[in-house]
C-alpha atoms as a PDB file:
ATOM      1  CA  MET A   1    -224.830 123.739  55.520  1.00  0.00           C
ATOM      2  CA  CYS A   2    -225.533 123.511  51.890  1.00  0.00           C
ATOM      3  CA  THR A   3    -227.822 120.579  50.695  1.00  0.00           C
ATOM      4  CA  THR A   4    -228.959 121.736  47.382  1.00  0.00           C
ATOM      5  CA  HIS A   5    -227.225 123.837  44.419  1.00  0.00           C
ATOM      6  CA  CYS A   6    -224.320 124.125  46.462  1.00  0.00           C
ATOM      7  CA  LYS A   7    -221.857 124.845  43.074  1.00  0.00           C
ATOM      8  CA  ASP A   8    -224.037 128.220  42.810  1.00  0.00           C
ATOM      9  CA  LEU A   9    -223.125 129.472  46.008  1.00  0.00           C
ATOM     10  CA  PHE A  10    -219.835 131.304  46.868  1.00  0.00           C
ATOM     11  CA  MET A  11    -218.250 134.247  48.886  1.00  0.00           C
ATOM     12  CA  SER A  12    -216.676 137.411  46.970  1.00  0.00           C
ATOM     13  CA  GLY A  13    -214.379 138.539  49.798  1.00  0.00           C
ATOM     14  CA  LYS A  14    -213.435 138.077  53.352  1.00  0.00           C
ATOM     15  CA  PRO A  15    -214.616 139.198  56.509  1.00  0.00           C
ATOM     16  CA  ALA A  16    -213.766 142.333  58.018  1.00  0.00           C
ATOM     17  CA  ALA A  17    -211.421 142.161  60.783  1.00  0.00           C
ATOM     18  CA  ARG A  18    -212.519 144.067  63.997  1.00  0.00           C
ATOM     19  CA  VAL A  19    -210.902 144.704  67.325  1.00  0.00           C
ATOM     20  CA  THR A  20    -210.901 141.481  69.256  1.00  0.00           C
ATOM     21  CA  ASP A  21    -210.929 139.324  66.254  1.00  0.00           C
ATOM     22  CA  PRO A  22    -208.115 136.719  66.989  1.00  0.00           C
ATOM     23  CA  THR A  23    -204.674 135.945  65.157  1.00  0.00           C
ATOM     24  CA  ALA A  24    -202.194 133.192  65.364  1.00  0.00           C
ATOM     25  CA  CYS A  25    -198.603 134.235  65.789  1.00  0.00           C
ATOM     26  CA  PRO A  26    -195.889 131.774  65.429  1.00  0.00           C
ATOM     27  CA  LEU A  27    -193.319 133.463  67.954  1.00  0.00           C
ATOM     28  CA  PRO A  28    -192.733 131.415  71.100  1.00  0.00           C
ATOM     29  CA  GLY A  29    -194.930 132.309  73.720  1.00  0.00           C
ATOM     30  CA  HIS A  30    -197.598 134.337  71.633  1.00  0.00           C
ATOM     31  CA  GLY A  31    -200.039 131.958  70.258  1.00  0.00           C
ATOM     32  CA  THR A  32    -203.422 132.954  69.500  1.00  0.00           C
ATOM     33  CA  ASN A  33    -204.079 136.665  70.677  1.00  0.00           C
ATOM     34  CA  PRO A  34    -206.933 139.561  69.573  1.00  0.00           C
ATOM     35  CA  ILE A  35    -206.463 142.707  67.382  1.00  0.00           C
ATOM     36  CA  VAL A  36    -206.342 145.331  70.053  1.00  0.00           C
ATOM     37  CA  SER A  37    -206.140 148.603  68.451  1.00  0.00           C
ATOM     38  CA  GLY A  38    -208.519 149.994  65.574  1.00  0.00           C
ATOM     39  CA  SER A  39    -210.516 152.794  63.936  1.00  0.00           C
ATOM     40  CA  PRO A  40    -211.714 155.373  66.259  1.00  0.00           C
ATOM     41  CA  ASN A  41    -214.975 156.134  64.267  1.00  0.00           C
ATOM     42  CA  VAL A  42    -215.618 153.163  62.155  1.00  0.00           C
ATOM     43  CA  ASN A  43    -217.561 149.947  63.764  1.00  0.00           C
ATOM     44  CA  PHE A  44    -218.241 146.567  62.335  1.00  0.00           C
ATOM     45  CA  ASP A  45    -221.127 144.641  64.466  1.00  0.00           C
ATOM     46  CA  GLY A  46    -220.304 147.156  67.467  1.00  0.00           C
ATOM     47  CA  LEU A  47    -216.579 146.866  67.180  1.00  0.00           C
ATOM     48  CA  ALA A  48    -213.693 149.127  65.991  1.00  0.00           C
ATOM     49  CA  ALA A  49    -212.785 147.803  62.388  1.00  0.00           C
ATOM     50  CA  ALA A  50    -209.388 146.629  62.140  1.00  0.00           C
ATOM     51  CA  ARG A  51    -206.477 148.222  59.391  1.00  0.00           C
ATOM     52  CA  MET A  52    -203.162 148.050  58.525  1.00  0.00           C
ATOM     53  CA  THR A  53    -200.788 149.276  61.018  1.00  0.00           C
ATOM     54  CA  ASP A  54    -203.485 148.443  63.656  1.00  0.00           C
ATOM     55  CA  LYS A  55    -201.764 146.167  66.399  1.00  0.00           C
ATOM     56  CA  SER A  56    -202.528 142.550  67.746  1.00  0.00           C
ATOM     57  CA  ALA A  57    -201.843 141.959  71.501  1.00  0.00           C
ATOM     58  CA  CYS A  58    -198.325 140.293  71.096  1.00  0.00           C
ATOM     59  CA  GLY A  59    -197.305 143.606  69.673  1.00  0.00           C
ATOM     60  CA  SER A  60    -197.820 142.760  66.144  1.00  0.00           C
ATOM     61  CA  ALA A  61    -198.909 145.160  63.245  1.00  0.00           C
ATOM     62  CA  ILE A  62    -201.175 144.275  60.559  1.00  0.00           C
ATOM     63  CA  SER A  63    -199.012 144.585  57.607  1.00  0.00           C
ATOM     64  CA  GLY A  64    -200.171 142.363  54.910  1.00  0.00           C
ATOM     65  CA  ALA A  65    -202.876 140.745  52.680  1.00  0.00           C
ATOM     66  CA  VAL A  66    -205.020 143.644  53.559  1.00  0.00           C
ATOM     67  CA  SER A  67    -207.710 145.198  51.215  1.00  0.00           C
ATOM     68  CA  GLY A  68    -206.745 146.839  48.119  1.00  0.00           C
ATOM     69  CA  THR A  69    -209.847 148.702  47.708  1.00  0.00           C
ATOM     70  CA  VAL A  70    -211.452 149.237  51.173  1.00  0.00           C
ATOM     71  CA  PHE A  71    -210.067 151.761  53.172  1.00  0.00           C
ATOM     72  CA  ILE A  72    -210.997 153.098  56.614  1.00  0.00           C
ATOM     73  CA  ASN A  73    -209.837 156.429  58.192  1.00  0.00           C
ATOM     74  CA  GLY A  74    -207.168 156.628  54.936  1.00  0.00           C
ATOM     75  CA  LEU A  75    -205.614 152.876  55.969  1.00  0.00           C
ATOM     76  CA  ASN A  76    -206.533 149.503  53.942  1.00  0.00           C
ATOM     77  CA  ALA A  77    -209.042 147.507  55.718  1.00  0.00           C
ATOM     78  CA  ALA A  78    -207.914 144.315  57.334  1.00  0.00           C
ATOM     79  CA  THR A  79    -209.689 141.026  56.881  1.00  0.00           C
ATOM     80  CA  LEU A  80    -209.610 137.495  57.544  1.00  0.00           C
ATOM     81  CA  ASP A  81    -206.375 135.970  56.298  1.00  0.00           C
ATOM     82  CA  SER A  82    -204.706 139.354  56.549  1.00  0.00           C
ATOM     83  CA  THR A  83    -201.051 139.115  57.754  1.00  0.00           C
ATOM     84  CA  GLY A  84    -198.804 140.718  60.833  1.00  0.00           C
ATOM     85  CA  GLY A  85    -195.273 141.739  61.423  1.00  0.00           C
ATOM     86  CA  HIS A  86    -194.575 138.371  63.311  1.00  0.00           C
ATOM     87  CA  GLY A  87    -195.897 136.256  60.828  1.00  0.00           C
ATOM     88  CA  ASN A  88    -199.226 136.128  62.463  1.00  0.00           C
ATOM     89  CA  VAL A  89    -202.585 135.279  60.441  1.00  0.00           C
ATOM     90  CA  LEU A  90    -205.588 137.228  61.498  1.00  0.00           C
ATOM     91  CA  ILE A  91    -208.056 133.592  62.000  1.00  0.00           C
ATOM     92  CA  GLY A  92    -211.611 135.424  62.428  1.00  0.00           C
ATOM     93  CA  GLY A  93    -213.673 138.367  61.316  1.00  0.00           C
ATOM     94  CA  SER A  94    -217.174 139.408  61.213  1.00  0.00           C
ATOM     95  CA  GLY A  95    -219.870 137.263  60.309  1.00  0.00           C
ATOM     96  CA  THR A  96    -222.033 140.235  58.812  1.00  0.00           C
ATOM     97  CA  VAL A  97    -219.545 142.189  57.459  1.00  0.00           C
ATOM     98  CA  ILE A  98    -217.334 141.089  53.984  1.00  0.00           C
ATOM     99  CA  ILE A  99    -214.797 143.059  52.273  1.00  0.00           C
ATOM    100  CA  GLY A 100    -214.385 141.748  48.243  1.00  0.00           C
ATOM    101  CA  ASP A 101    -211.243 143.086  46.241  1.00  0.00           C
ATOM    102  CA  THR A 102    -213.127 142.197  43.185  1.00  0.00           C
ATOM    103  CA  VAL A 103    -214.461 145.027  40.807  1.00  0.00           C
ATOM    104  CA  VAL A 104    -217.935 144.155  39.159  1.00  0.00           C
ATOM    105  CA  ALA A 105    -219.519 146.739  37.300  1.00  0.00           C
ATOM    106  CA  ALA A 106    -223.276 147.438  38.058  1.00  0.00           C
ATOM    107  CA  PRO A 107    -225.437 147.796  34.919  1.00  0.00           C
ATOM    108  CA  PHE A 108    -226.569 151.087  34.444  1.00  0.00           C
ATOM    109  CA  SER A 109    -230.220 152.172  32.884  1.00  0.00           C
ATOM    110  CA  GLY A 110    -229.705 155.996  33.213  1.00  0.00           C
ATOM    111  CA  LEU A 111    -231.381 158.350  35.797  1.00  0.00           C
ATOM    112  CA  LEU A 112    -235.045 158.232  35.840  1.00  0.00           C
ATOM    113  CA  PRO A 113    -236.953 161.572  36.668  1.00  0.00           C
ATOM    114  CA  MET A 114    -237.788 162.235  40.155  1.00  0.00           C
ATOM    115  CA  PRO A 115    -241.292 163.637  41.374  1.00  0.00           C
ATOM    116  CA  VAL A 116    -240.449 166.693  43.273  1.00  0.00           C
ATOM    117  CA  HIS A 117    -242.906 167.379  46.241  1.00  0.00           C
ATOM    118  CA  PHE A 118    -242.625 170.129  48.469  1.00  0.00           C
ATOM    119  CA  THR A 119    -245.050 170.419  51.879  1.00  0.00           C
ATOM    120  CA  ASP A 120    -244.252 173.059  54.597  1.00  0.00           C
ATOM    121  CA  LYS A 121    -245.019 175.503  56.609  1.00  0.00           C
ATOM    122  CA  LEU A 122    -243.790 179.330  56.767  1.00  0.00           C
ATOM    123  CA  LYS A 123    -243.120 180.730  60.175  1.00  0.00           C
ATOM    124  CA  LEU A 124    -244.368 184.129  61.131  1.00  0.00           C
ATOM    125  CA  VAL A 125    -241.583 186.222  63.207  1.00  0.00           C
ATOM    126  CA  ASN A 126    -241.817 189.723  64.272  1.00  0.00           C
ATOM    127  CA  ASN A 127    -238.618 191.302  62.766  1.00  0.00           C
ATOM    128  CA  VAL A 128    -237.944 193.526  65.610  1.00  0.00           C
ATOM    129  CA  THR A 129    -238.441 190.988  68.750  1.00  0.00           C
ATOM    130  CA  GLY A 130    -237.768 187.726  67.110  1.00  0.00           C
ATOM    131  CA  GLU A 131    -240.764 186.405  68.422  1.00  0.00           C
ATOM    132  CA  PRO A 132    -243.516 184.085  66.945  1.00  0.00           C
ATOM    133  CA  MET A 133    -246.657 186.023  65.389  1.00  0.00           C
ATOM    134  CA  PRO A 134    -249.568 183.718  66.442  1.00  0.00           C
ATOM    135  CA  ASN A 135    -252.996 184.216  65.255  1.00  0.00           C
ATOM    136  CA  HIS A 136    -252.084 187.029  62.612  1.00  0.00           C
ATOM    137  CA  PRO A 137    -253.974 187.050  59.031  1.00  0.00           C
ATOM    138  CA  TYR A 138    -251.611 186.505  56.199  1.00  0.00           C
ATOM    139  CA  MET A 139    -252.269 186.080  52.575  1.00  0.00           C
ATOM    140  CA  ILE A 140    -249.833 183.488  50.387  1.00  0.00           C
ATOM    141  CA  GLN A 141    -249.658 184.226  46.745  1.00  0.00           C
ATOM    142  CA  ARG A 142    -248.977 181.135  44.440  1.00  0.00           C
ATOM    143  CA  ALA A 143    -246.810 181.276  41.447  1.00  0.00           C
ATOM    144  CA  ASP A 144    -249.984 180.964  39.314  1.00  0.00           C
ATOM    145  CA  GLY A 145    -251.419 183.984  40.729  1.00  0.00           C
ATOM    146  CA  ARG A 146    -253.835 181.822  43.285  1.00  0.00           C
ATOM    147  CA  MET A 147    -254.291 183.565  46.722  1.00  0.00           C
ATOM    148  CA  GLU A 148    -254.495 181.654  50.027  1.00  0.00           C
ATOM    149  CA  HIS A 149    -255.718 183.679  53.217  1.00  0.00           C
ATOM    150  CA  GLY A 150    -255.393 182.246  56.761  1.00  0.00           C
ATOM    151  CA  VAL A 151    -254.250 182.886  60.130  1.00  0.00           C
ATOM    152  CA  SER A 152    -251.562 181.982  61.648  1.00  0.00           C
ATOM    153  CA  ASP A 153    -251.722 178.915  64.297  1.00  0.00           C
ATOM    154  CA  ALA A 154    -250.678 179.570  68.289  1.00  0.00           C
ATOM    155  CA  ASP A 155    -246.817 179.024  67.117  1.00  0.00           C
ATOM    156  CA  GLY A 156    -246.812 181.617  64.452  1.00  0.00           C
ATOM    157  CA  PHE A 157    -247.128 179.079  61.432  1.00  0.00           C
ATOM    158  CA  THR A 158    -249.116 179.178  58.211  1.00  0.00           C
ATOM    159  CA  HIS A 159    -251.203 176.478  56.893  1.00  0.00           C
ATOM    160  CA  GLU A 160    -249.104 174.109  55.089  1.00  0.00           C
ATOM    161  CA  VAL A 161    -248.117 174.723  51.586  1.00  0.00           C
ATOM    162  CA  SER A 162    -247.703 172.118  49.031  1.00  0.00           C
ATOM    163  CA  SER A 163    -246.684 171.653  45.525  1.00  0.00           C
ATOM    164  CA  HIS A 164    -245.435 169.225  42.982  1.00  0.00           C
ATOM    165  CA  LEU A 165    -243.420 171.823  40.859  1.00  0.00           C
ATOM    166  CA  PRO A 166    -240.916 174.205  41.807  1.00  0.00           C
ATOM    167  CA  GLU A 167    -242.374 177.487  42.603  1.00  0.00           C
ATOM    168  CA  THR A 168    -241.672 180.983  43.967  1.00  0.00           C
ATOM    169  CA  ILE A 169    -244.356 182.212  46.631  1.00  0.00           C
ATOM    170  CA  LYS A 170    -244.807 185.641  48.496  1.00  0.00           C
ATOM    171  CA  LEU A 171    -246.021 186.115  51.948  1.00  0.00           C
ATOM    172  CA  PHE A 172    -247.960 189.051  52.606  1.00  0.00           C
ATOM    173  CA  LEU A 173    -249.476 189.963  56.460  1.00  0.00           C
ATOM    174  CA  GLU A 174    -252.413 191.365  56.764  1.00  0.00           C
ATOM    175  CA  GLU A 175    -254.086 193.604  59.370  1.00  0.00           C
END
């Protein structure tokens, strides 16, 4: 319940509709019944998302007052107050997913430089057998000419190679 600054609070959208959310159907004998079909692969709060053409238990397909900007599997998303072919109205929805059709442009200040950092190990693999080459001496030549010598570990990996700039490295097997 709002007790202070209530005039500053508003919801710029409607709760998303899901399978099991109720609809109120005005046809005799239909009453309140749930949405029974929804997206096969989009869930809100663990329930299939409802879209235009999905049906309620009374057979009424969602047909109006759907989102004009959010599409699920190519179909308009259904929300609280969406309507069905029988004149029914969705009267329930998600408590955590709100769908709004108001477009508000976000300020854009340009892209910031992104630091590049690379850290990885190389794996020595026998090109005939395809097996890792454990305990094998190697040398890595860095782009600046530095040479790093080592012996591969039990799984055939070199030491970690790390750089904050893009670079080409060369790996040499030693005897």
